[in-house]
Amino acid sequence: MQTEAVEINVVVIVPNQGVGLWMLGAFVLTFGGTRMVTRLIRAGRGPFRNVEVGGTHVHHQVYGILAMLVAGAIEFSYRPGTPGAQILAVLFGAGAALTLDEFALWLHLEDVYWSREGRKSVDAAFLAVAVGLLLVAGFNPFSDVGSGAANQLVFAGLMLVNLALCVGTILKGKTALGVIGLLVPLVALVSFCRLAKPDSPWARWRYPPGSRRAERALRRYPPDRRTRLDAVKDFIGGTPHR
């Protein structure tokens, strides 16, 4: 009786951390360079000026959107190998930096680049870097899911609970922690249990004016509150108009 040997090849798919590092590096360098150029334009120093076409100010997010569209279309259509994948990663990362640097503009639909509202662009960039570092480090919350139906059902339930915590954290005015909580569930749990910011949707719904929670939120997050992180944002993004 003959037995035939059967060769089974198991393919393990892991995130391409090398390409992710190229993308993250391009994002950081482009964002830093963009903020340096815009601050020079604001101060009237150097050869840099705002780009205008036919009297219309062309914001740099336009170039970022085009770069991401081109990089995404080529990647999905051709799936290039080395060095094409790295080139596309750099193009996408640079485009994302140019786009998120004006995140506040497409959120408020007006030019608030140097106002306090414009600081949301710096927050968005910080958040993108934090998520990028987690992805480059190979963090994958879905890697330990078992193959059994019971395991998958429990995992799906935990993911729904974590998603609800993330949404609640964002409604409490802590957008960055809510997004990071999608990858690190403990962050979402701790952030959700803490006090909401007084100008957040959660505070407007759950903290009646004059209530103890409303007063605690106002003491915890006063309008003129400044932190060390705010000083870092001023150093990187420039001081907003007061």
C-alpha atoms as a PDB file:
ATOM      1  CA  MET A   1       0.000   0.000   0.000  1.00  0.00           C
ATOM      2  CA  GLN A   2       1.541   3.269  -1.136  1.00  0.00           C
ATOM      3  CA  THR A   3       1.127   6.507   0.702  1.00  0.00           C
ATOM      4  CA  GLU A   4       1.556   9.788  -1.053  1.00  0.00           C
ATOM      5  CA  ALA A   5       3.123  12.721   0.698  1.00  0.00           C
ATOM      6  CA  VAL A   6       1.021  15.819   0.472  1.00  0.00           C
ATOM      7  CA  GLU A   7       2.836  19.121   0.739  1.00  0.00           C
ATOM      8  CA  ILE A   8       0.821  21.901   2.324  1.00  0.00           C
ATOM      9  CA  ASN A   9       2.018  25.453   1.934  1.00  0.00           C
ATOM     10  CA  VAL A  10       0.746  27.854   4.551  1.00  0.00           C
ATOM     11  CA  VAL A  11       0.867  31.492   3.591  1.00  0.00           C
ATOM     12  CA  VAL A  12       0.871  33.914   6.474  1.00  0.00           C
ATOM     13  CA  ILE A  13      -0.097  37.436   5.519  1.00  0.00           C
ATOM     14  CA  VAL A  14       1.484  40.132   7.684  1.00  0.00           C
ATOM     15  CA  PRO A  15       1.413  43.894   7.316  1.00  0.00           C
ATOM     16  CA  ASN A  16       4.169  45.253   5.083  1.00  0.00           C
ATOM     17  CA  GLN A  17       5.907  47.187   7.800  1.00  0.00           C
ATOM     18  CA  GLY A  18       8.745  48.293   5.500  1.00  0.00           C
ATOM     19  CA  VAL A  19       6.369  50.076   3.139  1.00  0.00           C
ATOM     20  CA  GLY A  20       4.510  51.518   6.124  1.00  0.00           C
ATOM     21  CA  LEU A  21       7.764  52.994   7.422  1.00  0.00           C
ATOM     22  CA  TRP A  22       8.386  54.715   4.093  1.00  0.00           C
ATOM     23  CA  MET A  23       4.861  56.129   4.174  1.00  0.00           C
ATOM     24  CA  LEU A  24       5.165  57.317   7.779  1.00  0.00           C
ATOM     25  CA  GLY A  25       8.573  58.887   7.151  1.00  0.00           C
ATOM     26  CA  ALA A  26       7.276  60.764   4.112  1.00  0.00           C
ATOM     27  CA  PHE A  27       4.295  61.976   6.137  1.00  0.00           C
ATOM     28  CA  VAL A  28       6.431  63.349   8.987  1.00  0.00           C
ATOM     29  CA  LEU A  29       8.976  65.043   6.705  1.00  0.00           C
ATOM     30  CA  THR A  30       6.321  66.560   4.444  1.00  0.00           C
ATOM     31  CA  PHE A  31       4.232  67.834   7.340  1.00  0.00           C
ATOM     32  CA  GLY A  32       7.260  69.392   9.014  1.00  0.00           C
ATOM     33  CA  GLY A  33       8.432  70.969   5.754  1.00  0.00           C
ATOM     34  CA  THR A  34       4.948  72.287   4.976  1.00  0.00           C
ATOM     35  CA  ARG A  35       4.590  73.917   8.389  1.00  0.00           C
ATOM     36  CA  MET A  36       8.018  75.517   8.022  1.00  0.00           C
ATOM     37  CA  VAL A  37       7.099  76.967   4.609  1.00  0.00           C
ATOM     38  CA  THR A  38       3.706  78.257   5.747  1.00  0.00           C
ATOM     39  CA  ARG A  39       5.269  79.929   8.782  1.00  0.00           C
ATOM     40  CA  LEU A  40       7.822  81.655   6.540  1.00  0.00           C
ATOM     41  CA  ILE A  41       4.988  82.843   4.283  1.00  0.00           C
ATOM     42  CA  ARG A  42       3.115  84.110   7.326  1.00  0.00           C
ATOM     43  CA  ALA A  43       6.197  86.042   8.483  1.00  0.00           C
ATOM     44  CA  GLY A  44       6.892  87.380   4.966  1.00  0.00           C
ATOM     45  CA  ARG A  45      10.347  85.819   4.892  1.00  0.00           C
ATOM     46  CA  GLY A  46      12.073  83.859   2.163  1.00  0.00           C
ATOM     47  CA  PRO A  47      11.053  83.286  -1.442  1.00  0.00           C
ATOM     48  CA  PHE A  48       7.842  81.406  -0.640  1.00  0.00           C
ATOM     49  CA  ARG A  49       4.431  82.852  -1.496  1.00  0.00           C
ATOM     50  CA  ASN A  50       0.858  81.590  -1.674  1.00  0.00           C
ATOM     51  CA  VAL A  51      -0.012  79.956  -4.999  1.00  0.00           C
ATOM     52  CA  GLU A  52      -2.801  81.699  -6.883  1.00  0.00           C
ATOM     53  CA  VAL A  53      -4.355  80.719 -10.208  1.00  0.00           C
ATOM     54  CA  GLY A  54      -6.650  83.280 -11.806  1.00  0.00           C
ATOM     55  CA  GLY A  55      -6.946  85.119  -8.502  1.00  0.00           C
ATOM     56  CA  THR A  56      -7.911  81.935  -6.625  1.00  0.00           C
ATOM     57  CA  HIS A  57      -5.718  80.737  -3.765  1.00  0.00           C
ATOM     58  CA  VAL A  58      -4.812  77.105  -4.449  1.00  0.00           C
ATOM     59  CA  HIS A  59      -4.433  75.427  -1.056  1.00  0.00           C
ATOM     60  CA  HIS A  60      -1.761  72.753  -0.699  1.00  0.00           C
ATOM     61  CA  GLN A  61      -4.386  70.178   0.232  1.00  0.00           C
ATOM     62  CA  VAL A  62      -5.270  70.128  -3.487  1.00  0.00           C
ATOM     63  CA  TYR A  63      -1.842  68.700  -4.305  1.00  0.00           C
ATOM     64  CA  GLY A  64      -2.166  66.256  -1.424  1.00  0.00           C
ATOM     65  CA  ILE A  65      -5.507  64.929  -2.634  1.00  0.00           C
ATOM     66  CA  LEU A  66      -4.141  64.484  -6.168  1.00  0.00           C
ATOM     67  CA  ALA A  67      -1.058  62.666  -4.827  1.00  0.00           C
ATOM     68  CA  MET A  68      -3.173  60.226  -2.797  1.00  0.00           C
ATOM     69  CA  LEU A  69      -5.529  59.597  -5.734  1.00  0.00           C
ATOM     70  CA  VAL A  70      -2.625  58.838  -8.071  1.00  0.00           C
ATOM     71  CA  ALA A  71      -0.845  56.615  -5.537  1.00  0.00           C
ATOM     72  CA  GLY A  72      -4.024  54.694  -4.685  1.00  0.00           C
ATOM     73  CA  ALA A  73      -5.043  54.191  -8.321  1.00  0.00           C
ATOM     74  CA  ILE A  74      -1.612  52.849  -9.326  1.00  0.00           C
ATOM     75  CA  GLU A  75      -1.360  50.599  -6.258  1.00  0.00           C
ATOM     76  CA  PHE A  76      -4.794  49.022  -6.747  1.00  0.00           C
ATOM     77  CA  SER A  77      -4.353  48.651 -10.519  1.00  0.00           C
ATOM     78  CA  TYR A  78      -0.791  47.345 -10.820  1.00  0.00           C
ATOM     79  CA  ARG A  79       0.354  46.171  -7.353  1.00  0.00           C
ATOM     80  CA  PRO A  80       3.999  47.039  -8.081  1.00  0.00           C
ATOM     81  CA  GLY A  81       6.854  45.402  -6.221  1.00  0.00           C
ATOM     82  CA  THR A  82      10.098  46.949  -5.029  1.00  0.00           C
ATOM     83  CA  PRO A  83      10.900  49.818  -5.545  1.00  0.00           C
ATOM     84  CA  GLY A  84       7.480  50.816  -6.956  1.00  0.00           C
ATOM     85  CA  ALA A  85       5.663  50.044  -3.703  1.00  0.00           C
ATOM     86  CA  GLN A  86       8.048  52.236  -1.718  1.00  0.00           C
ATOM     87  CA  ILE A  87       7.685  55.103  -4.211  1.00  0.00           C
ATOM     88  CA  LEU A  88       3.894  54.919  -3.976  1.00  0.00           C
ATOM     89  CA  ALA A  89       4.099  54.782  -0.181  1.00  0.00           C
ATOM     90  CA  VAL A  90       6.169  57.975  -0.164  1.00  0.00           C
ATOM     91  CA  LEU A  91       3.753  59.651  -2.581  1.00  0.00           C
ATOM     92  CA  PHE A  92       0.738  58.637  -0.480  1.00  0.00           C
ATOM     93  CA  GLY A  93       2.364  59.673   2.800  1.00  0.00           C
ATOM     94  CA  ALA A  94       3.366  63.070   1.414  1.00  0.00           C
ATOM     95  CA  GLY A  95      -0.133  63.587  -0.020  1.00  0.00           C
ATOM     96  CA  ALA A  96      -1.730  62.654   3.300  1.00  0.00           C
ATOM     97  CA  ALA A  97       0.478  65.188   5.104  1.00  0.00           C
ATOM     98  CA  LEU A  98      -0.459  67.986   2.689  1.00  0.00           C
ATOM     99  CA  THR A  99      -4.138  67.102   3.046  1.00  0.00           C
ATOM    100  CA  LEU A 100      -4.269  66.720   6.831  1.00  0.00           C
ATOM    101  CA  ASP A 101      -2.269  69.928   7.271  1.00  0.00           C
ATOM    102  CA  GLU A 102      -5.467  71.670   6.150  1.00  0.00           C
ATOM    103  CA  PHE A 103      -7.858  69.315   7.920  1.00  0.00           C
ATOM    104  CA  ALA A 104      -9.495  72.262   9.713  1.00  0.00           C
ATOM    105  CA  LEU A 105     -10.242  73.920   6.360  1.00  0.00           C
ATOM    106  CA  TRP A 106     -12.281  71.009   5.014  1.00  0.00           C
ATOM    107  CA  LEU A 107     -13.882  70.544   8.430  1.00  0.00           C
ATOM    108  CA  HIS A 108     -15.036  74.162   8.835  1.00  0.00           C
ATOM    109  CA  LEU A 109     -15.271  74.948   5.075  1.00  0.00           C
ATOM    110  CA  GLU A 110     -13.341  78.184   5.576  1.00  0.00           C
ATOM    111  CA  ASP A 111      -9.713  79.233   5.883  1.00  0.00           C
ATOM    112  CA  VAL A 112      -9.010  78.921   9.616  1.00  0.00           C
ATOM    113  CA  TYR A 113      -5.370  77.864   9.206  1.00  0.00           C
ATOM    114  CA  TRP A 114      -3.927  80.322  11.758  1.00  0.00           C
ATOM    115  CA  SER A 115      -6.917  80.498  14.099  1.00  0.00           C
ATOM    116  CA  ARG A 116      -7.591  78.368  17.174  1.00  0.00           C
ATOM    117  CA  GLU A 117      -9.919  76.212  15.069  1.00  0.00           C
ATOM    118  CA  GLY A 118      -7.022  75.598  12.708  1.00  0.00           C
ATOM    119  CA  ARG A 119      -5.174  73.778  15.463  1.00  0.00           C
ATOM    120  CA  LYS A 120      -7.378  70.769  14.615  1.00  0.00           C
ATOM    121  CA  SER A 121      -5.055  70.223  11.637  1.00  0.00           C
ATOM    122  CA  VAL A 122      -2.094  69.713  13.978  1.00  0.00           C
ATOM    123  CA  ASP A 123      -4.222  67.385  16.122  1.00  0.00           C
ATOM    124  CA  ALA A 124      -5.123  65.354  13.022  1.00  0.00           C
ATOM    125  CA  ALA A 125      -1.452  65.077  12.041  1.00  0.00           C
ATOM    126  CA  PHE A 126      -0.461  63.932  15.544  1.00  0.00           C
ATOM    127  CA  LEU A 127      -3.212  61.332  15.440  1.00  0.00           C
ATOM    128  CA  ALA A 128      -2.094  60.072  12.022  1.00  0.00           C
ATOM    129  CA  VAL A 129       1.485  59.681  13.277  1.00  0.00           C
ATOM    130  CA  ALA A 130       0.313  57.795  16.384  1.00  0.00           C
ATOM    131  CA  VAL A 131      -1.758  55.351  14.312  1.00  0.00           C
ATOM    132  CA  GLY A 132       1.081  55.024  11.808  1.00  0.00           C
ATOM    133  CA  LEU A 133       3.541  54.104  14.553  1.00  0.00           C
ATOM    134  CA  LEU A 134       1.170  51.393  15.822  1.00  0.00           C
ATOM    135  CA  LEU A 135       0.832  49.947  12.319  1.00  0.00           C
ATOM    136  CA  VAL A 136       4.576  50.080  11.629  1.00  0.00           C
ATOM    137  CA  ALA A 137       5.205  48.336  14.952  1.00  0.00           C
ATOM    138  CA  GLY A 138       3.001  45.492  13.698  1.00  0.00           C
ATOM    139  CA  PHE A 139       0.207  46.025  16.196  1.00  0.00           C
ATOM    140  CA  ASN A 140      -2.754  43.931  15.054  1.00  0.00           C
ATOM    141  CA  PRO A 141      -5.730  43.463  17.406  1.00  0.00           C
ATOM    142  CA  PHE A 142      -7.236  40.886  15.030  1.00  0.00           C
ATOM    143  CA  SER A 143      -4.308  38.446  15.070  1.00  0.00           C
ATOM    144  CA  ASP A 144      -5.417  36.288  18.018  1.00  0.00           C
ATOM    145  CA  VAL A 145      -8.912  35.427  16.811  1.00  0.00           C
ATOM    146  CA  GLY A 146      -9.567  31.696  16.928  1.00  0.00           C
ATOM    147  CA  SER A 147     -11.129  29.742  14.103  1.00  0.00           C
ATOM    148  CA  GLY A 148     -14.063  28.411  16.107  1.00  0.00           C
ATOM    149  CA  ALA A 149     -17.522  29.907  15.768  1.00  0.00           C
ATOM    150  CA  ALA A 150     -17.724  30.595  19.513  1.00  0.00           C
ATOM    151  CA  ASN A 151     -14.422  32.454  19.492  1.00  0.00           C
ATOM    152  CA  GLN A 152     -15.457  34.556  16.521  1.00  0.00           C
ATOM    153  CA  LEU A 153     -18.807  35.361  18.139  1.00  0.00           C
ATOM    154  CA  VAL A 154     -17.139  36.487  21.373  1.00  0.00           C
ATOM    155  CA  PHE A 155     -14.605  38.509  19.426  1.00  0.00           C
ATOM    156  CA  ALA A 156     -17.343  40.205  17.395  1.00  0.00           C
ATOM    157  CA  GLY A 157     -19.176  41.101  20.605  1.00  0.00           C
ATOM    158  CA  LEU A 158     -16.032  42.572  22.169  1.00  0.00           C
ATOM    159  CA  MET A 159     -15.340  44.573  19.021  1.00  0.00           C
ATOM    160  CA  LEU A 160     -18.859  46.019  19.084  1.00  0.00           C
ATOM    161  CA  VAL A 161     -18.436  47.004  22.732  1.00  0.00           C
ATOM    162  CA  ASN A 162     -15.064  48.592  21.971  1.00  0.00           C
ATOM    163  CA  LEU A 163     -16.563  50.436  18.991  1.00  0.00           C
ATOM    164  CA  ALA A 164     -19.304  51.832  21.246  1.00  0.00           C
ATOM    165  CA  LEU A 165     -16.642  52.977  23.738  1.00  0.00           C
ATOM    166  CA  CYS A 166     -14.670  54.653  20.939  1.00  0.00           C
ATOM    167  CA  VAL A 167     -17.755  56.488  19.686  1.00  0.00           C
ATOM    168  CA  GLY A 168     -18.565  57.583  23.232  1.00  0.00           C
ATOM    169  CA  THR A 169     -14.987  58.823  23.713  1.00  0.00           C
ATOM    170  CA  ILE A 170     -15.213  60.880  20.525  1.00  0.00           C
ATOM    171  CA  LEU A 171     -18.566  62.320  21.643  1.00  0.00           C
ATOM    172  CA  LYS A 172     -16.870  63.343  24.885  1.00  0.00           C
ATOM    173  CA  GLY A 173     -14.552  65.567  22.855  1.00  0.00           C
ATOM    174  CA  LYS A 174     -11.532  63.225  22.827  1.00  0.00           C
ATOM    175  CA  THR A 175     -11.270  62.396  19.142  1.00  0.00           C
ATOM    176  CA  ALA A 176      -7.629  61.309  19.127  1.00  0.00           C
ATOM    177  CA  LEU A 177      -8.082  58.884  22.027  1.00  0.00           C
ATOM    178  CA  GLY A 178     -11.252  57.517  20.426  1.00  0.00           C
ATOM    179  CA  VAL A 179      -9.458  56.674  17.181  1.00  0.00           C
ATOM    180  CA  ILE A 180      -6.449  55.190  18.971  1.00  0.00           C
ATOM    181  CA  GLY A 181      -8.904  53.140  21.038  1.00  0.00           C
ATOM    182  CA  LEU A 182      -9.910  51.292  17.876  1.00  0.00           C
ATOM    183  CA  LEU A 183      -6.445  49.711  17.931  1.00  0.00           C
ATOM    184  CA  VAL A 184      -5.844  49.753  21.706  1.00  0.00           C
ATOM    185  CA  PRO A 185      -9.152  48.920  23.442  1.00  0.00           C
ATOM    186  CA  LEU A 186      -7.850  49.803  26.913  1.00  0.00           C
ATOM    187  CA  VAL A 187      -7.380  53.421  25.792  1.00  0.00           C
ATOM    188  CA  ALA A 188     -11.035  53.641  24.749  1.00  0.00           C
ATOM    189  CA  LEU A 189     -12.229  52.121  28.038  1.00  0.00           C
ATOM    190  CA  VAL A 190     -10.222  54.514  30.247  1.00  0.00           C
ATOM    191  CA  SER A 191     -11.049  57.574  28.127  1.00  0.00           C
ATOM    192  CA  PHE A 192     -14.761  56.792  28.085  1.00  0.00           C
ATOM    193  CA  CYS A 193     -14.864  56.494  31.883  1.00  0.00           C
ATOM    194  CA  ARG A 194     -13.315  59.936  32.349  1.00  0.00           C
ATOM    195  CA  LEU A 195     -15.049  63.320  32.357  1.00  0.00           C
ATOM    196  CA  ALA A 196     -16.244  64.808  29.049  1.00  0.00           C
ATOM    197  CA  LYS A 197     -15.029  68.173  27.803  1.00  0.00           C
ATOM    198  CA  PRO A 198     -17.576  70.944  28.507  1.00  0.00           C
ATOM    199  CA  ASP A 199     -17.994  71.905  24.820  1.00  0.00           C
ATOM    200  CA  SER A 200     -18.473  68.308  23.626  1.00  0.00           C
ATOM    201  CA  PRO A 201     -21.773  66.815  22.400  1.00  0.00           C
ATOM    202  CA  TRP A 202     -21.778  64.422  25.384  1.00  0.00           C
ATOM    203  CA  ALA A 203     -21.591  67.333  27.841  1.00  0.00           C
ATOM    204  CA  ARG A 204     -24.404  69.163  26.074  1.00  0.00           C
ATOM    205  CA  TRP A 205     -26.609  66.049  26.285  1.00  0.00           C
ATOM    206  CA  ARG A 206     -25.654  64.663  29.694  1.00  0.00           C
ATOM    207  CA  TYR A 207     -24.372  67.606  31.778  1.00  0.00           C
ATOM    208  CA  PRO A 208     -27.264  70.039  32.472  1.00  0.00           C
ATOM    209  CA  PRO A 209     -26.165  73.665  33.050  1.00  0.00           C
ATOM    210  CA  GLY A 210     -25.374  74.243  36.709  1.00  0.00           C
ATOM    211  CA  SER A 211     -25.067  70.538  37.503  1.00  0.00           C
ATOM    212  CA  ARG A 212     -22.138  69.130  39.433  1.00  0.00           C
ATOM    213  CA  ARG A 213     -20.802  67.322  36.372  1.00  0.00           C
ATOM    214  CA  ALA A 214     -20.989  70.492  34.257  1.00  0.00           C
ATOM    215  CA  GLU A 215     -19.051  72.438  36.903  1.00  0.00           C
ATOM    216  CA  ARG A 216     -16.469  69.655  37.240  1.00  0.00           C
ATOM    217  CA  ALA A 217     -15.991  69.560  33.468  1.00  0.00           C
ATOM    218  CA  LEU A 218     -15.501  73.321  33.344  1.00  0.00           C
ATOM    219  CA  ARG A 219     -12.943  73.189  36.155  1.00  0.00           C
ATOM    220  CA  ARG A 220     -11.154  70.286  34.470  1.00  0.00           C
ATOM    221  CA  TYR A 221     -11.152  71.896  31.022  1.00  0.00           C
ATOM    222  CA  PRO A 222     -11.334  75.716  31.413  1.00  0.00           C
ATOM    223  CA  PRO A 223     -11.540  77.785  28.182  1.00  0.00           C
ATOM    224  CA  ASP A 224      -8.023  79.198  28.655  1.00  0.00           C
ATOM    225  CA  ARG A 225      -6.501  75.844  29.618  1.00  0.00           C
ATOM    226  CA  ARG A 226      -2.950  75.348  28.336  1.00  0.00           C
ATOM    227  CA  THR A 227      -0.930  72.151  28.539  1.00  0.00           C
ATOM    228  CA  ARG A 228       2.587  71.107  27.613  1.00  0.00           C
ATOM    229  CA  LEU A 229       1.162  69.507  24.498  1.00  0.00           C
ATOM    230  CA  ASP A 230      -0.238  72.907  23.468  1.00  0.00           C
ATOM    231  CA  ALA A 231       3.280  74.332  23.716  1.00  0.00           C
ATOM    232  CA  VAL A 232       4.539  71.513  21.473  1.00  0.00           C
ATOM    233  CA  LYS A 233       1.775  72.266  18.967  1.00  0.00           C
ATOM    234  CA  ASP A 234       2.728  75.963  18.971  1.00  0.00           C
ATOM    235  CA  PHE A 235       6.360  75.038  18.347  1.00  0.00           C
ATOM    236  CA  ILE A 236       5.485  72.762  15.413  1.00  0.00           C
ATOM    237  CA  GLY A 237       2.452  74.456  13.896  1.00  0.00           C
ATOM    238  CA  GLY A 238       2.968  78.086  14.885  1.00  0.00           C
ATOM    239  CA  THR A 239       1.057  80.141  17.444  1.00  0.00           C
ATOM    240  CA  PRO A 240      -2.591  80.724  16.402  1.00  0.00           C
ATOM    241  CA  HIS A 241      -4.215  84.139  16.391  1.00  0.00           C
ATOM    242  CA  ARG A 242      -5.569  84.985  19.832  1.00  0.00           C
END
